[in-house]
Amino acid sequence: MFFLVALNLFNLQVLHHKKYKNISLNQQDNFLKNPFPHRGNIFLIDKNGKYSAAASTKNGFLAYVNARVLENPEDAFLKLNSVINIDKDIFLKFIQKKNDPFEVLEKKLSKEDAEKILSFNIKGIGVVEDEWRFYPLGAFLSHVLGFSSIISSDIIEGKYGIEKFYNKFLVGSKKSKNSKGFFVFFSAIASVFGENLEDGQDIFLTIEPNVQIIAERDLKKLSDKWHAQSGGILVLDPKSGEVVVMAAFPKFDPNKYFEEKDLSVFLNPFVEKVFEMGSIMKPVTMATGIDSGHITPDTTYLDKGFIEINGKKLRNFDEKPRGERNMTQVLEESLNTGAVFVMQRTGKEIFKEYLKKFGFYEKTNIDLPGEVKSNLSNLESGRDIEFATASFGQGIAVSPIAMVRALGALANGGRLVEPTLTYKNEASRETNEPRQIIKRETAFLVSKMLVDVVDHTLAGGKAKIDGYSIAAKTGTAQIPNKNGGGYGEEFFHSFFGYFPAYDPRFLVFMFLERPTGVKYASQTLTEPFTNLVKFLINYYAVPPDR
């Protein structure tokens, strides 16, 4: 330790005496190099392999004042004010800090402005190379990207989204002395053998920019038409878990995040919120009954339009009795009583065990920060009524990404695959191998039932696309009253589908929270879903399977 201290003192006081004197006292050179690593970029890659930057770094300059050596503050202020707009009170406050060698006056200066300031040759006024985060596409993809902000004179930290999740890889590392003179890591050795700056790594997203553009455009139309509180569209490959689209509103401009007054806008609703999903839970319930051997698609029951459990009446959406119905018709007509029948046949314990298999009791491990676990605490009571409502997606709240992962198992042959937003690289997180949670035959049978939904009942059969088998289901859930005590007349709309149904290329999930002037998801999301599927088919030249 003594040797290192002595070596460092000799290096600073003898070998580099002139250099550090000039910098610290600003006597000869009032321009400093940026001594920090460059933050990595975030890239998108379209289907043709063309790269585009979603988050990058802009280069410029900042002006600073060294109060230790500034001799004529009034003259300095007048000259500086001819180039940059400085608040005089703030300037006077800075120069009163007589022992402070570095206070930032202005950031994001152009080269021309920096050269003008240097040309004044004001002792105590200097210019430093500067860089700042820039999002060239504005609010595009904002919930995925998040943003980064400056938390001190030399530290930029990711906040929300990919910027936060991969911050330690994006930020790079340094083993050098910063502008205020604080040692970072063995400065004695670093200063002798030279600065060791390691720039941050670039991150490459699985998001396809052209499909994301279409999805965000469609979301804007949905927002304008139905005035929902929030909404989202997610598209992923159910076999690999790669997310192709993740779009949500309301969105924000990460270049101007500091102007946003409602911080909840920064939350990604796919991973940081939970909702009661409604009838899109019914295919999971059906898969549970089929896989456990308690029902088949041809199993029938008597539908009276309602069922009484624990003294409460659970109804179908229209309360109309339909008589004898098989399990495919339960999905086609979205019968709550049919979902309850399957749960009762299966049994509460087995039903709960399958919810665990489908991943609702764990996080998905997606590479986004702040992921919340689904809330199935109502089932801990053991009451029949809680299990009954859970069978058709009420009383339990799950995150959209957890719902998508579970539904993906129906599409990919029964495997629970972790969703991801980035291609594999050195910065990739640890992932778990997919788990086989239901039999392939079960996934096939439920897919066939969901194809019948599209072929026969969804939008009266008008949602079909010639040449393609499409599996899909809508969901309409009542939203619990904010003050507790039951449900009001506000709704959560959801929709999912995958195609081609028996060897799917894509799974599409959509939701709207509290749309106004409309009750059912089939009314709000069927057409946008069909339009997006048609675009995906054409854009990726997906061959027909029929």
Protein backbone atom coordinates (compact mmCIF):
# COMPACT_ATOMS: atom_id res chain seq x y z
CA MET A 1 0.00 0.00 0.00
CA PHE A 2 2.85 2.37 0.88
CA PHE A 3 4.49 1.58 -2.45
CA LEU A 4 1.27 2.31 -4.37
CA VAL A 5 0.75 5.62 -2.59
CA ALA A 6 4.34 6.66 -3.20
CA LEU A 7 4.11 5.62 -6.84
CA ASN A 8 0.95 7.62 -7.32
CA LEU A 9 2.38 10.74 -5.64
CA PHE A 10 5.48 10.54 -7.85
CA ASN A 11 3.31 10.12 -10.92
CA LEU A 12 1.08 13.09 -10.10
CA GLN A 13 3.65 15.49 -8.67
CA VAL A 14 6.59 14.76 -10.96
CA LEU A 15 5.74 12.93 -14.15
CA HIS A 16 2.40 14.63 -14.81
CA HIS A 17 2.80 17.78 -12.74
CA LYS A 18 2.33 20.18 -15.63
CA LYS A 19 -0.62 18.33 -17.10
CA TYR A 20 -2.65 18.28 -13.87
CA LYS A 21 -1.69 21.82 -12.98
CA ASN A 22 -2.99 23.10 -16.29
CA ILE A 23 -6.23 21.19 -15.97
CA SER A 24 -7.00 21.88 -12.34
CA LEU A 25 -6.12 25.58 -12.41
CA ASN A 26 -7.29 26.18 -15.97
CA GLN A 27 -4.19 28.30 -16.62
CA GLN A 28 -3.34 27.29 -20.18
CA ASP A 29 -6.03 24.97 -21.58
CA ASN A 30 -9.75 25.43 -20.95
CA PHE A 31 -10.83 22.41 -22.95
CA LEU A 32 -11.16 18.96 -21.38
CA LYS A 33 -11.71 15.58 -23.00
CA ASN A 34 -14.66 13.54 -21.82
CA PRO A 35 -13.06 11.03 -19.43
CA PHE A 36 -15.99 8.60 -19.34
CA PRO A 37 -16.96 5.55 -21.40
CA HIS A 38 -19.60 5.88 -24.08
CA ARG A 39 -23.00 4.38 -23.36
CA GLY A 40 -23.95 1.50 -25.64
CA ASN A 41 -26.61 1.93 -28.29
CA ILE A 42 -29.92 0.07 -28.58
CA PHE A 43 -30.67 -1.21 -32.07
CA LEU A 44 -33.66 -2.57 -33.95
CA ILE A 45 -33.29 -5.02 -36.85
CA ASP A 46 -36.01 -5.41 -39.46
CA LYS A 47 -36.85 -8.67 -41.24
CA ASN A 48 -34.34 -7.87 -44.00
CA GLY A 49 -31.47 -7.36 -41.57
CA LYS A 50 -31.46 -3.56 -41.76
CA TYR A 51 -30.30 -1.89 -38.55
CA SER A 52 -31.75 1.27 -37.02
CA ALA A 53 -30.95 2.98 -33.74
CA ALA A 54 -33.71 3.17 -31.14
CA ALA A 55 -31.45 4.77 -28.51
CA SER A 56 -28.11 6.38 -29.26
CA THR A 57 -25.72 9.00 -27.97
CA LYS A 58 -25.38 12.53 -29.28
CA ASN A 59 -22.06 14.31 -28.97
CA GLY A 60 -21.50 17.96 -28.15
CA PHE A 61 -20.00 20.10 -25.43
CA LEU A 62 -20.77 21.64 -22.07
CA ALA A 63 -19.49 24.87 -20.55
CA TYR A 64 -18.32 24.99 -16.94
CA VAL A 65 -16.97 27.52 -14.45
CA ASN A 66 -13.95 27.04 -12.18
CA ALA A 67 -14.71 29.41 -9.29
CA ARG A 68 -11.20 28.94 -7.90
CA VAL A 69 -9.54 30.94 -10.65
CA LEU A 70 -12.33 33.08 -12.15
CA GLU A 71 -11.12 36.69 -11.87
CA ASN A 72 -13.71 38.91 -13.55
CA PRO A 73 -17.20 37.41 -13.09
CA GLU A 74 -19.09 40.37 -14.60
CA ASP A 75 -17.07 40.37 -17.79
CA ALA A 76 -17.29 36.57 -18.01
CA PHE A 77 -21.05 36.66 -17.63
CA LEU A 78 -21.52 39.27 -20.37
CA LYS A 79 -19.37 37.36 -22.84
CA LEU A 80 -20.97 34.03 -22.09
CA ASN A 81 -24.46 35.48 -22.30
CA SER A 82 -23.80 36.49 -25.89
CA VAL A 83 -23.52 32.78 -26.76
CA ILE A 84 -25.66 30.93 -24.23
CA ASN A 85 -28.59 32.00 -22.10
CA ILE A 86 -27.45 31.84 -18.47
CA ASP A 87 -29.49 32.86 -15.44
CA LYS A 88 -27.43 35.52 -13.70
CA ASP A 89 -28.55 34.54 -10.20
CA ILE A 90 -27.43 30.93 -10.81
CA PHE A 91 -24.14 32.14 -12.25
CA LEU A 92 -23.47 34.30 -9.17
CA LYS A 93 -24.36 31.38 -6.93
CA PHE A 94 -21.80 29.21 -8.70
CA ILE A 95 -18.95 31.66 -8.45
CA GLN A 96 -19.47 32.08 -4.71
CA LYS A 97 -18.26 28.49 -4.30
CA LYS A 98 -14.62 29.52 -4.16
CA ASN A 99 -13.30 26.01 -3.69
CA ASP A 100 -15.39 24.46 -6.45
CA PRO A 101 -13.40 23.80 -9.63
CA PHE A 102 -16.29 22.50 -11.72
CA GLU A 103 -19.89 23.73 -12.03
CA VAL A 104 -21.84 23.11 -15.22
CA LEU A 105 -23.19 26.27 -16.87
CA GLU A 106 -24.76 24.85 -20.02
CA LYS A 107 -25.06 21.44 -21.70
CA LYS A 108 -25.71 20.19 -25.22
CA LEU A 109 -23.66 22.93 -26.86
CA SER A 110 -22.86 22.79 -30.55
CA LYS A 111 -19.27 22.79 -31.78
CA GLU A 112 -19.71 26.37 -33.00
CA ASP A 113 -20.89 27.63 -29.60
CA ALA A 114 -18.10 25.74 -27.84
CA GLU A 115 -15.49 27.33 -30.12
CA LYS A 116 -16.92 30.81 -29.47
CA ILE A 117 -16.67 30.29 -25.72
CA LEU A 118 -13.09 29.06 -26.05
CA SER A 119 -12.22 32.05 -28.23
CA PHE A 120 -13.01 34.40 -25.31
CA ASN A 121 -10.06 32.82 -23.45
CA ILE A 122 -11.70 33.53 -20.09
CA LYS A 123 -9.66 32.24 -17.20
CA GLY A 124 -11.98 30.03 -15.16
CA ILE A 125 -14.43 29.27 -17.97
CA GLY A 126 -13.91 25.99 -19.78
CA VAL A 127 -15.49 23.57 -22.22
CA VAL A 128 -15.75 19.79 -21.88
CA GLU A 129 -16.75 17.20 -24.43
CA ASP A 130 -20.27 16.11 -23.60
CA GLU A 131 -22.68 13.43 -24.72
CA TRP A 132 -26.31 12.72 -23.95
CA ARG A 133 -28.91 10.07 -24.64
CA PHE A 134 -31.02 10.56 -27.72
CA TYR A 135 -34.08 8.67 -28.92
CA PRO A 136 -34.37 9.38 -32.65
CA LEU A 137 -37.90 7.99 -32.93
CA GLY A 138 -39.37 10.04 -30.08
CA ALA A 139 -42.24 8.30 -28.26
CA PHE A 140 -41.95 5.22 -30.48
CA LEU A 141 -41.37 2.05 -28.41
CA SER A 142 -41.11 4.15 -25.23
CA HIS A 143 -42.38 1.48 -22.81
CA VAL A 144 -39.77 -0.98 -24.05
CA LEU A 145 -36.84 1.44 -24.13
CA GLY A 146 -37.51 3.44 -20.97
CA PHE A 147 -34.98 6.27 -20.69
CA SER A 148 -31.73 7.21 -19.00
CA SER A 149 -31.04 10.25 -16.85
CA ILE A 150 -28.02 11.97 -15.32
CA ILE A 151 -27.89 11.36 -11.59
CA SER A 152 -24.54 13.12 -10.99
CA SER A 153 -21.92 14.99 -12.96
CA ASP A 154 -20.49 11.77 -14.36
CA ILE A 155 -23.11 9.04 -13.95
CA ILE A 156 -25.93 8.27 -16.40
CA GLU A 157 -28.36 5.65 -15.16
CA GLY A 158 -31.09 3.80 -16.99
CA LYS A 159 -34.62 4.34 -15.75
CA TYR A 160 -37.36 1.94 -16.81
CA GLY A 161 -37.31 -0.45 -19.75
CA ILE A 162 -34.28 -1.88 -21.51
CA GLU A 163 -32.24 1.15 -20.42
CA LYS A 164 -32.63 0.08 -16.80
CA PHE A 165 -32.59 -3.70 -17.17
CA TYR A 166 -29.33 -3.73 -19.13
CA ASN A 167 -27.85 -0.59 -17.55
CA LYS A 168 -24.70 -2.27 -16.22
CA PHE A 169 -23.86 -3.49 -19.73
CA LEU A 170 -24.83 -0.26 -21.52
CA VAL A 171 -22.94 2.05 -19.18
CA GLY A 172 -19.48 0.55 -19.67
CA SER A 173 -16.72 0.84 -17.08
CA LYS A 174 -13.86 3.17 -16.21
CA LYS A 175 -10.67 2.95 -14.24
CA SER A 176 -9.65 6.57 -14.36
CA LYS A 177 -9.87 9.89 -12.58
CA ASN A 178 -13.00 11.98 -13.05
CA SER A 179 -13.21 15.74 -13.58
CA LYS A 180 -13.56 16.51 -9.87
CA GLY A 181 -10.55 14.45 -8.90
CA PHE A 182 -12.13 11.47 -7.13
CA PHE A 183 -10.27 8.19 -7.60
CA VAL A 184 -12.32 5.33 -8.94
CA PHE A 185 -10.26 2.15 -9.12
CA PHE A 186 -6.58 1.81 -8.25
CA SER A 187 -5.77 5.20 -9.72
CA ALA A 188 -2.10 4.74 -8.96
CA ILE A 189 -1.83 1.84 -11.37
CA ALA A 190 -4.36 3.27 -13.85
CA SER A 191 -2.54 6.59 -14.15
CA VAL A 192 0.83 4.95 -14.71
CA PHE A 193 -0.32 2.48 -17.34
CA GLY A 194 -2.83 4.82 -18.96
CA GLU A 195 -6.58 5.35 -18.74
CA ASN A 196 -8.68 2.22 -19.17
CA LEU A 197 -12.12 3.12 -20.48
CA GLU A 198 -14.40 0.36 -21.68
CA ASP A 199 -17.41 1.57 -23.66
CA GLY A 200 -20.83 0.08 -22.98
CA GLN A 201 -22.17 -2.82 -25.01
CA ASP A 202 -24.77 -2.41 -27.71
CA ILE A 203 -28.13 -4.14 -27.25
CA PHE A 204 -30.10 -5.62 -30.16
CA LEU A 205 -33.87 -5.94 -29.75
CA THR A 206 -36.13 -8.60 -31.23
CA ILE A 207 -38.71 -5.88 -31.96
CA GLU A 208 -39.43 -5.59 -35.69
CA PRO A 209 -39.67 -1.81 -36.30
CA ASN A 210 -42.07 -1.90 -39.26
CA VAL A 211 -44.55 -4.16 -37.47
CA GLN A 212 -44.22 -2.01 -34.33
CA ILE A 213 -45.13 1.05 -36.41
CA ILE A 214 -48.33 -0.63 -37.62
CA ALA A 215 -49.24 -1.76 -34.09
CA GLU A 216 -48.72 1.71 -32.62
CA ARG A 217 -50.79 3.21 -35.41
CA ASP A 218 -53.61 0.74 -34.68
CA LEU A 219 -53.40 1.50 -30.96
CA LYS A 220 -53.74 5.21 -31.68
CA LYS A 221 -56.95 4.50 -33.60
CA LEU A 222 -58.28 2.37 -30.73
CA SER A 223 -57.42 5.07 -28.21
CA ASP A 224 -59.15 7.77 -30.27
CA LYS A 225 -62.22 5.64 -30.88
CA TRP A 226 -62.85 4.11 -27.46
CA HIS A 227 -61.08 6.57 -25.10
CA ALA A 228 -59.68 3.75 -23.00
CA GLN A 229 -57.53 4.45 -19.95
CA SER A 230 -54.76 2.28 -21.38
CA GLY A 231 -54.19 -0.34 -24.03
CA GLY A 232 -51.60 -2.54 -25.61
CA ILE A 233 -50.65 -4.89 -28.43
CA LEU A 234 -48.05 -7.64 -28.11
CA VAL A 235 -46.87 -10.00 -30.84
CA LEU A 236 -44.39 -12.80 -30.22
CA ASP A 237 -43.11 -16.03 -31.66
CA PRO A 238 -44.65 -18.63 -29.31
CA LYS A 239 -41.90 -21.17 -30.07
CA SER A 240 -38.89 -18.99 -29.24
CA GLY A 241 -40.53 -16.39 -26.99
CA GLU A 242 -39.03 -13.55 -29.06
CA VAL A 243 -41.21 -10.44 -28.80
CA VAL A 244 -41.85 -8.84 -32.20
CA VAL A 245 -44.16 -6.05 -31.01
CA MET A 246 -44.76 -4.47 -27.62
CA ALA A 247 -46.85 -1.34 -27.96
CA ALA A 248 -48.80 0.46 -25.24
CA PHE A 249 -50.60 3.72 -24.56
CA PRO A 250 -50.51 6.24 -23.04
CA LYS A 251 -46.90 6.64 -24.12
CA PHE A 252 -44.22 9.25 -23.51
CA ASP A 253 -41.25 10.82 -25.27
CA PRO A 254 -38.05 9.57 -23.55
CA ASN A 255 -36.24 12.68 -24.87
CA LYS A 256 -38.59 14.77 -22.72
CA TYR A 257 -39.33 12.42 -19.82
CA PHE A 258 -38.79 15.27 -17.35
CA GLU A 259 -41.89 17.03 -18.72
CA GLU A 260 -44.15 14.13 -17.73
CA LYS A 261 -46.10 14.84 -14.55
CA ASP A 262 -47.83 11.46 -14.22
CA LEU A 263 -45.07 8.99 -13.35
CA SER A 264 -47.40 6.01 -13.83
CA VAL A 265 -47.12 6.62 -17.59
CA PHE A 266 -43.57 5.24 -17.41
CA LEU A 267 -44.80 1.84 -16.18
CA ASN A 268 -44.92 -0.89 -18.79
CA PRO A 269 -48.46 -2.31 -18.44
CA PHE A 270 -47.42 -5.69 -19.84
CA VAL A 271 -45.08 -6.43 -16.93
CA GLU A 272 -45.78 -3.86 -14.19
CA LYS A 273 -49.57 -4.15 -13.92
CA VAL A 274 -52.06 -6.94 -13.30
CA PHE A 275 -55.62 -7.26 -14.55
CA GLU A 276 -58.56 -9.65 -14.30
CA MET A 277 -58.44 -11.03 -17.83
CA GLY A 278 -61.89 -12.50 -18.34
CA SER A 279 -62.72 -15.20 -20.85
CA ILE A 280 -59.28 -15.61 -22.42
CA MET A 281 -58.65 -17.68 -19.28
CA LYS A 282 -61.22 -20.25 -20.46
CA PRO A 283 -58.85 -22.00 -22.92
CA VAL A 284 -56.42 -22.50 -20.01
CA THR A 285 -59.25 -23.95 -17.92
CA MET A 286 -60.22 -26.19 -20.82
CA ALA A 287 -56.63 -27.37 -21.26
CA THR A 288 -56.51 -28.19 -17.55
CA GLY A 289 -59.59 -30.40 -17.78
CA ILE A 290 -58.48 -32.16 -20.97
CA ASP A 291 -54.86 -32.70 -19.90
CA SER A 292 -55.88 -34.10 -16.51
CA GLY A 293 -58.28 -36.53 -18.22
CA HIS A 294 -61.49 -35.20 -16.69
CA ILE A 295 -63.12 -33.95 -19.91
CA THR A 296 -62.82 -34.16 -23.69
CA PRO A 297 -63.94 -31.64 -26.33
CA ASP A 298 -67.11 -33.72 -26.71
CA THR A 299 -68.03 -33.77 -23.02
CA THR A 300 -71.44 -32.18 -22.48
CA TYR A 301 -73.26 -30.46 -19.62
CA LEU A 302 -76.63 -28.76 -19.15
CA ASP A 303 -76.41 -24.97 -19.36
CA LYS A 304 -79.14 -23.13 -17.43
CA GLY A 305 -77.65 -19.68 -18.04
CA PHE A 306 -76.41 -19.46 -14.47
CA ILE A 307 -75.02 -21.51 -11.60
CA GLU A 308 -75.33 -20.95 -7.84
CA ILE A 309 -72.22 -21.37 -5.65
CA ASN A 310 -71.85 -20.37 -1.99
CA GLY A 311 -75.18 -18.56 -2.22
CA LYS A 312 -74.10 -16.44 -5.18
CA LYS A 313 -75.38 -16.66 -8.73
CA LEU A 314 -72.77 -16.75 -11.52
CA ARG A 315 -74.22 -15.96 -14.93
CA ASN A 316 -73.32 -16.17 -18.59
CA PHE A 317 -72.85 -12.82 -20.30
CA ASP A 318 -76.47 -12.80 -21.54
CA GLU A 319 -78.01 -15.04 -18.79
CA LYS A 320 -79.79 -17.12 -21.46
CA PRO A 321 -80.03 -20.91 -20.95
CA ARG A 322 -78.74 -22.95 -23.87
CA GLY A 323 -79.45 -26.50 -22.78
CA GLU A 324 -76.96 -29.25 -23.57
CA ARG A 325 -73.59 -27.94 -24.71
CA ASN A 326 -70.23 -29.58 -25.43
CA MET A 327 -66.85 -28.10 -24.50
CA THR A 328 -66.13 -26.63 -27.94
CA GLN A 329 -69.43 -24.77 -27.75
CA VAL A 330 -68.43 -23.49 -24.31
CA LEU A 331 -65.53 -21.65 -25.99
CA GLU A 332 -67.52 -20.68 -29.07
CA GLU A 333 -70.30 -19.11 -26.99
CA SER A 334 -68.00 -18.08 -24.11
CA LEU A 335 -70.12 -19.70 -21.41
CA ASN A 336 -69.06 -18.97 -17.84
CA THR A 337 -71.13 -21.88 -16.59
CA GLY A 338 -69.19 -24.22 -18.87
CA ALA A 339 -65.84 -23.03 -17.49
CA VAL A 340 -67.13 -23.60 -13.94
CA PHE A 341 -68.29 -27.08 -14.96
CA VAL A 342 -64.76 -27.94 -16.19
CA MET A 343 -63.17 -26.64 -12.98
CA GLN A 344 -65.59 -28.64 -10.84
CA ARG A 345 -65.00 -31.80 -12.86
CA THR A 346 -61.24 -31.30 -12.54
CA GLY A 347 -61.25 -30.43 -8.85
CA LYS A 348 -59.89 -27.40 -7.04
CA GLU A 349 -56.50 -28.84 -6.15
CA ILE A 350 -55.73 -30.08 -9.64
CA PHE A 351 -57.02 -26.83 -11.13
CA LYS A 352 -54.70 -24.83 -8.85
CA GLU A 353 -51.78 -27.12 -9.67
CA TYR A 354 -52.27 -26.45 -13.38
CA LEU A 355 -52.36 -22.70 -12.78
CA LYS A 356 -48.91 -23.15 -11.25
CA LYS A 357 -47.82 -25.19 -14.26
CA PHE A 358 -48.97 -22.41 -16.57
CA GLY A 359 -46.67 -20.03 -14.67
CA PHE A 360 -49.20 -17.80 -12.92
CA TYR A 361 -47.45 -18.16 -9.57
CA GLU A 362 -44.09 -16.96 -10.84
CA LYS A 363 -42.53 -14.20 -12.89
CA THR A 364 -41.86 -14.80 -16.57
CA ASN A 365 -38.19 -13.70 -16.39
CA ILE A 366 -38.67 -11.31 -19.31
CA ASP A 367 -35.79 -8.86 -19.70
CA LEU A 368 -37.67 -5.82 -18.42
CA PRO A 369 -37.45 -4.30 -14.94
CA GLY A 370 -40.22 -4.11 -12.36
CA GLU A 371 -42.07 -7.28 -13.35
CA VAL A 372 -44.84 -8.05 -10.85
CA LYS A 373 -46.24 -11.44 -9.98
CA SER A 374 -49.83 -12.28 -10.69
CA ASN A 375 -52.27 -12.10 -7.79
CA LEU A 376 -54.10 -15.37 -7.17
CA SER A 377 -54.44 -14.84 -3.43
CA ASN A 378 -58.24 -15.33 -3.56
CA LEU A 379 -57.67 -19.04 -4.17
CA GLU A 380 -55.93 -19.40 -0.81
CA SER A 381 -59.32 -19.16 0.89
CA GLY A 382 -60.25 -22.51 -0.64
CA ARG A 383 -63.81 -21.29 -1.23
CA ASP A 384 -65.66 -22.80 -4.16
CA ILE A 385 -66.80 -19.39 -5.38
CA GLU A 386 -63.21 -18.15 -5.83
CA PHE A 387 -62.23 -21.16 -7.92
CA ALA A 388 -65.43 -20.88 -9.93
CA THR A 389 -64.81 -17.25 -10.91
CA ALA A 390 -61.13 -17.94 -11.57
CA SER A 391 -62.14 -20.55 -14.16
CA PHE A 392 -63.48 -17.75 -16.39
CA GLY A 393 -60.88 -15.13 -15.51
CA GLN A 394 -62.46 -13.12 -12.69
CA GLY A 395 -61.24 -12.76 -9.11
CA ILE A 396 -57.61 -13.43 -10.04
CA ALA A 397 -55.38 -10.74 -11.54
CA VAL A 398 -52.48 -11.62 -13.82
CA SER A 399 -49.96 -9.58 -15.75
CA PRO A 400 -50.45 -9.48 -19.53
CA ILE A 401 -46.99 -10.97 -20.11
CA ALA A 402 -47.82 -13.90 -17.79
CA MET A 403 -51.09 -14.41 -19.65
CA VAL A 404 -49.31 -14.36 -23.02
CA ARG A 405 -46.70 -16.89 -21.84
CA ALA A 406 -49.45 -19.25 -20.62
CA LEU A 407 -51.44 -18.94 -23.85
CA GLY A 408 -48.24 -19.48 -25.81
CA ALA A 409 -48.12 -23.00 -24.37
CA LEU A 410 -51.38 -23.77 -26.18
CA ALA A 411 -49.80 -22.57 -29.42
CA ASN A 412 -46.38 -24.25 -29.24
CA GLY A 413 -47.33 -27.80 -28.26
CA GLY A 414 -47.54 -27.39 -24.50
CA ARG A 415 -44.19 -25.76 -23.60
CA LEU A 416 -43.84 -22.82 -21.22
CA VAL A 417 -41.31 -20.53 -22.93
CA GLU A 418 -39.76 -17.42 -21.40
CA PRO A 419 -40.45 -14.26 -23.42
CA THR A 420 -37.47 -12.14 -24.46
CA LEU A 421 -36.86 -8.75 -26.05
CA THR A 422 -33.20 -9.14 -26.97
CA TYR A 423 -31.11 -11.39 -29.16
CA LYS A 424 -28.53 -13.52 -27.38
CA ASN A 425 -25.25 -11.73 -26.68
CA GLU A 426 -22.73 -11.16 -23.91
CA ALA A 427 -25.22 -9.00 -22.05
CA SER A 428 -28.02 -11.59 -22.11
CA ARG A 429 -29.60 -12.63 -18.85
CA GLU A 430 -29.71 -16.22 -17.72
CA THR A 431 -32.73 -18.02 -19.11
CA ASN A 432 -34.46 -21.25 -18.18
CA GLU A 433 -35.17 -24.08 -20.56
CA PRO A 434 -38.82 -24.36 -21.69
CA ARG A 435 -40.94 -26.73 -19.59
CA GLN A 436 -43.44 -29.19 -21.04
CA ILE A 437 -46.51 -28.34 -18.95
CA ILE A 438 -49.28 -30.06 -20.91
CA LYS A 439 -49.29 -32.86 -23.47
CA ARG A 440 -48.89 -31.98 -27.15
CA GLU A 441 -52.22 -33.68 -27.82
CA THR A 442 -53.92 -31.37 -25.29
CA ALA A 443 -52.48 -28.28 -26.96
CA PHE A 444 -53.64 -29.60 -30.35
CA LEU A 445 -57.19 -30.27 -29.14
CA VAL A 446 -57.55 -26.83 -27.51
CA SER A 447 -56.13 -25.20 -30.66
CA LYS A 448 -58.73 -27.04 -32.76
CA MET A 449 -61.47 -25.81 -30.43
CA LEU A 450 -60.20 -22.23 -30.76
CA VAL A 451 -60.10 -22.55 -34.55
CA ASP A 452 -63.79 -23.47 -34.39
CA VAL A 453 -64.37 -20.26 -32.43
CA VAL A 454 -62.96 -18.21 -35.32
CA ASP A 455 -64.59 -20.28 -38.05
CA HIS A 456 -68.09 -20.29 -36.60
CA THR A 457 -68.82 -17.61 -34.01
CA LEU A 458 -66.23 -14.81 -33.88
CA ALA A 459 -67.88 -11.86 -35.63
CA GLY A 460 -70.38 -14.33 -37.03
CA GLY A 461 -67.59 -16.15 -38.87
CA LYS A 462 -66.45 -12.95 -40.64
CA ALA A 463 -63.11 -12.95 -38.82
CA LYS A 464 -61.93 -15.95 -40.87
CA ILE A 465 -59.10 -15.42 -43.35
CA ASP A 466 -59.23 -17.65 -46.40
CA GLY A 467 -56.43 -20.20 -46.51
CA TYR A 468 -55.42 -19.89 -42.86
CA SER A 469 -56.38 -21.65 -39.66
CA ILE A 470 -56.56 -19.09 -36.86
CA ALA A 471 -57.11 -19.90 -33.18
CA ALA A 472 -58.51 -17.03 -31.13
CA LYS A 473 -60.62 -16.01 -28.15
CA THR A 474 -61.99 -12.76 -26.75
CA GLY A 475 -62.25 -11.78 -23.10
CA THR A 476 -64.44 -9.24 -21.33
CA ALA A 477 -63.90 -8.81 -17.60
CA GLN A 478 -65.64 -6.56 -15.12
CA ILE A 479 -63.20 -4.29 -13.31
CA PRO A 480 -63.41 -4.35 -9.49
CA ASN A 481 -64.65 -1.21 -7.76
CA LYS A 482 -61.77 0.97 -6.58
CA ASN A 483 -63.13 1.05 -3.04
CA GLY A 484 -63.73 -2.70 -2.93
CA GLY A 485 -67.03 -4.48 -2.64
CA GLY A 486 -67.81 -6.07 -5.98
CA TYR A 487 -67.70 -4.91 -9.55
CA GLY A 488 -68.93 -1.86 -11.40
CA GLU A 489 -69.83 -1.19 -15.02
CA GLU A 490 -66.28 -0.68 -16.26
CA PHE A 491 -64.61 -3.38 -18.34
CA PHE A 492 -61.28 -4.81 -19.35
CA HIS A 493 -61.19 -6.08 -22.93
CA SER A 494 -58.67 -8.69 -24.08
CA PHE A 495 -58.10 -10.70 -27.22
CA PHE A 496 -55.56 -13.31 -28.22
CA GLY A 497 -54.99 -15.46 -31.27
CA TYR A 498 -52.28 -17.39 -33.07
CA PHE A 499 -51.72 -18.57 -36.62
CA PRO A 500 -51.31 -20.81 -38.49
CA ALA A 501 -53.06 -22.57 -35.66
CA TYR A 502 -51.27 -25.94 -35.79
CA ASP A 503 -47.77 -24.61 -36.47
CA PRO A 504 -47.98 -20.97 -35.36
CA ARG A 505 -45.63 -18.27 -36.52
CA PHE A 506 -47.08 -15.54 -34.32
CA LEU A 507 -49.26 -15.06 -31.26
CA VAL A 508 -51.09 -11.73 -31.01
CA PHE A 509 -52.44 -10.30 -27.73
CA MET A 510 -54.45 -7.07 -27.37
CA PHE A 511 -56.10 -5.31 -24.46
CA LEU A 512 -58.06 -2.16 -23.61
CA GLU A 513 -58.59 -0.93 -20.06
CA ARG A 514 -61.88 0.84 -19.41
CA PRO A 515 -63.03 1.58 -22.98
CA THR A 516 -66.07 3.86 -23.02
CA GLY A 517 -69.39 3.39 -24.76
CA VAL A 518 -68.91 -0.32 -25.45
CA LYS A 519 -69.23 -3.51 -23.40
CA TYR A 520 -67.66 -6.46 -25.19
CA ALA A 521 -64.14 -7.12 -26.44
CA SER A 522 -65.54 -8.70 -29.59
CA GLN A 523 -66.83 -5.24 -30.52
CA THR A 524 -63.55 -3.39 -29.96
CA LEU A 525 -60.71 -5.79 -30.79
CA THR A 526 -61.88 -8.31 -33.41
CA GLU A 527 -61.34 -6.03 -36.40
CA PRO A 528 -57.92 -4.69 -35.23
CA PHE A 529 -56.80 -8.26 -34.59
CA THR A 530 -57.87 -9.42 -38.06
CA ASN A 531 -56.21 -6.44 -39.74
CA LEU A 532 -52.93 -7.02 -37.90
CA VAL A 533 -52.96 -10.73 -38.77
CA LYS A 534 -53.45 -9.87 -42.45
CA PHE A 535 -50.52 -7.46 -42.30
CA LEU A 536 -48.29 -10.08 -40.66
CA ILE A 537 -49.26 -12.67 -43.27
CA ASN A 538 -48.37 -10.31 -46.11
CA TYR A 539 -45.27 -8.77 -44.54
CA TYR A 540 -43.69 -12.10 -43.63
CA ALA A 541 -45.17 -14.00 -46.59
CA VAL A 542 -46.62 -16.63 -44.26
CA PRO A 543 -47.79 -19.52 -46.47
CA PRO A 544 -51.40 -20.72 -46.14
CA ASP A 545 -52.06 -23.95 -44.27
CA ARG A 546 -55.53 -24.67 -45.65
